[in-house]
Amino acid sequence: MPSRWNYVDVNCTHCKIDGQIRIDQYNRKGKQWTCRKCARLGKKINIKNPSGRHDPVKLGAWKSYWRAKKRVRENHKGVYKNVLFLFKNFSEFWDELGPRPNGYTLERINVKGNYELGNVKWASMTEQCRNKSNNLYVCYEGRKMCLYDAVKLSGIDPATIKKRIETGCPEGFIFSKGRWHMKTKQFFPSAS
């Protein structure tokens, strides 16, 4: 049975490793015998105006651009049926956001809005978690904040606070130490 690839016993002109080198689209050009590793490296280096997927600076942004476009196109988990991807091309996306910082991902500022100019930014996972449509916002010490942040400040168990909100506990007692009696709708402050 013939081999799928043709091999030649020569030295690689770049890394000088000898052995069998596969003849393919990279090493036929220029009549130079290069191993696949050197051929791939050379191809990436020799691109004059690399696109987003070939430029190491733009690679993170390219991946986020492509994944967002794919999520909308495939209606990921049925969540994106009313969301549109309105960027015409990657260069427009790049001009809006620039390079993706390490540990950051693409986020829509308005969760119910489209992927469009002015509605996207790079955000950390913490910021992403606070910008979800199913987050519960509460007033704690006069400031509106995510339930998770209020729980961290108050020191009360998050399940307790959530249950108090669900059962109709008055706002003044939600973060107070004590016991909320659901049936009688009364709050009993703790002794300490």
Protein backbone atom coordinates (compact mmCIF):
# COMPACT_ATOMS: atom_id res chain seq x y z
CA MET A 1 0.00 0.00 0.00
CA PRO A 2 1.53 3.34 -1.00
CA SER A 3 2.26 5.92 1.69
CA ARG A 4 0.01 8.94 1.88
CA TRP A 5 3.01 11.29 1.99
CA ASN A 6 6.29 11.30 0.07
CA TYR A 7 9.44 11.48 2.20
CA VAL A 8 13.04 12.31 1.26
CA ASP A 9 16.25 11.54 3.20
CA VAL A 10 18.03 14.94 3.37
CA ASN A 11 19.15 17.55 5.91
CA CYS A 12 16.82 20.39 6.88
CA THR A 13 18.31 23.64 5.49
CA HIS A 14 17.30 25.60 8.60
CA CYS A 15 17.78 23.45 11.72
CA LYS A 16 20.29 21.02 10.07
CA ILE A 17 18.46 17.94 11.41
CA ASP A 18 18.90 14.98 9.09
CA GLY A 19 16.38 12.26 8.43
CA GLN A 20 13.19 11.82 6.52
CA ILE A 21 11.50 15.08 5.58
CA ARG A 22 7.94 15.07 4.31
CA ILE A 23 7.38 16.82 1.01
CA ASP A 24 4.34 19.05 1.29
CA GLN A 25 3.11 22.53 0.36
CA TYR A 26 5.65 24.28 2.60
CA ASN A 27 8.96 22.80 1.44
CA ARG A 28 8.28 22.60 -2.29
CA LYS A 29 8.39 26.37 -2.62
CA GLY A 30 11.89 27.72 -3.22
CA LYS A 31 13.33 24.21 -3.71
CA GLN A 32 14.51 24.16 -0.08
CA TRP A 33 14.22 21.05 2.05
CA THR A 34 12.81 22.10 5.42
CA CYS A 35 11.18 20.03 8.11
CA ARG A 36 7.56 20.80 8.96
CA LYS A 37 8.48 22.61 12.17
CA CYS A 38 10.83 25.03 10.39
CA ALA A 39 8.41 25.45 7.49
CA ARG A 40 5.56 26.46 9.81
CA LEU A 41 7.73 28.86 11.79
CA GLY A 42 9.03 30.42 8.60
CA LYS A 43 5.56 30.82 7.16
CA LYS A 44 4.28 32.68 10.22
CA ILE A 45 7.33 34.95 10.37
CA ASN A 46 7.26 35.86 6.66
CA ILE A 47 3.67 37.17 6.58
CA LYS A 48 3.93 40.92 5.85
CA ASN A 49 0.49 42.07 6.99
CA PRO A 50 -0.78 39.28 9.23
CA SER A 51 -4.50 38.95 9.91
CA GLY A 52 -5.83 38.71 13.45
CA ARG A 53 -5.41 34.96 13.65
CA HIS A 54 -1.75 35.07 12.56
CA ASP A 55 -0.58 38.11 14.52
CA PRO A 56 0.42 37.16 18.10
CA VAL A 57 -0.64 40.62 19.38
CA LYS A 58 -4.14 40.29 17.89
CA LEU A 59 -4.63 36.57 18.51
CA GLY A 60 -6.56 36.86 21.82
CA ALA A 61 -8.91 39.47 20.37
CA TRP A 62 -9.35 37.36 17.22
CA LYS A 63 -10.38 34.33 19.27
CA SER A 64 -12.91 36.38 21.28
CA TYR A 65 -14.28 37.92 18.08
CA TRP A 66 -14.68 34.54 16.42
CA ARG A 67 -16.23 32.83 19.47
CA ALA A 68 -18.77 35.63 19.97
CA LYS A 69 -19.71 35.48 16.30
CA LYS A 70 -20.09 31.69 16.56
CA ARG A 71 -22.23 31.92 19.74
CA VAL A 72 -24.66 34.28 18.02
CA ARG A 73 -24.73 32.31 14.75
CA GLU A 74 -25.37 28.97 16.48
CA ASN A 75 -27.72 30.47 19.13
CA HIS A 76 -25.67 28.96 21.96
CA LYS A 77 -28.00 27.27 24.51
CA GLY A 78 -30.95 29.25 23.11
CA VAL A 79 -29.77 32.41 24.85
CA TYR A 80 -28.74 34.35 21.73
CA LYS A 81 -31.96 34.26 19.70
CA ASN A 82 -32.49 38.04 20.06
CA VAL A 83 -28.79 38.98 19.98
CA LEU A 84 -27.07 40.17 16.80
CA PHE A 85 -23.38 40.39 15.95
CA LEU A 86 -23.12 43.82 14.29
CA PHE A 87 -19.38 44.17 13.72
CA LYS A 88 -18.70 44.20 9.97
CA ASN A 89 -15.20 42.75 10.25
CA PHE A 90 -12.35 42.08 12.66
CA SER A 91 -10.63 45.43 12.01
CA GLU A 92 -13.73 47.29 13.23
CA PHE A 93 -13.77 45.06 16.34
CA TRP A 94 -10.02 45.65 16.89
CA ASP A 95 -10.42 49.45 16.58
CA GLU A 96 -13.15 49.38 19.24
CA LEU A 97 -11.43 47.16 21.84
CA GLY A 98 -7.73 46.78 21.05
CA PRO A 99 -5.68 43.86 22.40
CA ARG A 100 -7.24 41.50 24.92
CA PRO A 101 -5.56 41.73 28.36
CA ASN A 102 -4.56 38.46 30.05
CA GLY A 103 -7.40 36.96 32.09
CA TYR A 104 -10.08 39.08 30.40
CA THR A 105 -12.89 38.06 28.07
CA LEU A 106 -15.44 39.79 25.87
CA GLU A 107 -18.49 41.17 27.66
CA ARG A 108 -21.62 42.98 26.53
CA ILE A 109 -22.18 46.01 28.77
CA ASN A 110 -25.95 45.78 28.32
CA VAL A 111 -26.67 42.06 28.73
CA LYS A 112 -29.80 42.26 26.57
CA GLY A 113 -28.04 44.29 23.85
CA ASN A 114 -26.18 43.20 20.72
CA TYR A 115 -22.49 42.74 20.05
CA GLU A 116 -21.96 46.22 18.60
CA LEU A 117 -19.88 49.37 18.90
CA GLY A 118 -20.20 50.88 22.37
CA ASN A 119 -21.75 47.77 23.95
CA VAL A 120 -18.66 45.56 24.32
CA LYS A 121 -15.60 45.69 26.56
CA TRP A 122 -12.90 43.46 28.03
CA ALA A 123 -13.93 42.25 31.49
CA SER A 124 -12.53 39.97 34.17
CA MET A 125 -14.52 36.95 35.35
CA THR A 126 -15.54 38.87 38.49
CA GLU A 127 -17.00 41.68 36.38
CA GLN A 128 -18.67 39.14 34.10
CA CYS A 129 -20.37 37.46 37.06
CA ARG A 130 -21.75 40.78 38.28
CA ASN A 131 -23.20 41.58 34.83
CA LYS A 132 -25.59 38.62 34.55
CA SER A 133 -29.31 38.91 34.01
CA ASN A 134 -30.12 36.54 36.89
CA ASN A 135 -28.16 38.50 39.52
CA LEU A 136 -30.04 39.71 42.56
CA TYR A 137 -29.41 43.35 43.49
CA VAL A 138 -30.05 44.66 46.99
CA CYS A 139 -29.66 47.92 48.91
CA TYR A 140 -27.01 47.67 51.61
CA GLU A 141 -26.12 50.74 53.69
CA GLY A 142 -27.75 53.00 51.11
CA ARG A 143 -25.91 51.55 48.09
CA LYS A 144 -27.37 49.27 45.44
CA MET A 145 -25.07 46.30 44.89
CA CYS A 146 -24.96 42.68 43.86
CA LEU A 147 -26.12 40.25 46.56
CA TYR A 148 -22.69 38.59 46.64
CA ASP A 149 -20.96 41.91 47.46
CA ALA A 150 -23.50 42.76 50.15
CA VAL A 151 -23.06 39.32 51.72
CA LYS A 152 -19.28 39.79 51.87
CA LEU A 153 -19.73 43.14 53.63
CA SER A 154 -22.43 42.01 56.07
CA GLY A 155 -20.97 38.64 57.09
CA ILE A 156 -24.37 36.89 56.99
CA ASP A 157 -24.85 33.62 55.12
CA PRO A 158 -25.96 34.24 51.49
CA ALA A 159 -28.67 31.56 51.66
CA THR A 160 -30.18 33.32 54.70
CA ILE A 161 -30.32 36.67 52.93
CA LYS A 162 -31.75 35.15 49.77
CA LYS A 163 -34.45 33.33 51.74
CA ARG A 164 -35.36 36.54 53.62
CA ILE A 165 -35.78 38.40 50.32
CA GLU A 166 -37.88 35.59 48.78
CA THR A 167 -40.21 35.41 51.81
CA GLY A 168 -40.86 39.16 51.99
CA CYS A 169 -38.64 40.30 54.85
CA PRO A 170 -38.66 44.14 55.11
CA GLU A 171 -35.53 45.81 53.69
CA GLY A 172 -34.52 47.16 57.08
CA PHE A 173 -34.13 43.64 58.49
CA ILE A 174 -32.58 41.76 55.54
CA PHE A 175 -29.01 42.32 56.73
CA SER A 176 -29.74 42.44 60.47
CA LYS A 177 -28.52 39.72 62.79
CA GLY A 178 -31.43 37.75 64.11
CA ARG A 179 -34.17 35.39 63.01
CA TRP A 180 -36.89 36.05 60.44
CA HIS A 181 -40.04 34.00 61.09
CA MET A 182 -41.60 33.33 57.67
CA LYS A 183 -45.08 32.28 58.78
CA THR A 184 -45.77 35.17 61.14
CA LYS A 185 -43.70 37.66 59.08
CA GLN A 186 -41.87 38.85 62.21
CA PHE A 187 -38.20 39.56 62.80
CA PHE A 188 -36.58 38.62 66.11
CA PRO A 189 -33.24 40.39 66.63
CA SER A 190 -30.44 38.45 68.26
CA ALA A 191 -29.50 39.26 71.87
CA SER A 192 -25.90 40.26 71.09
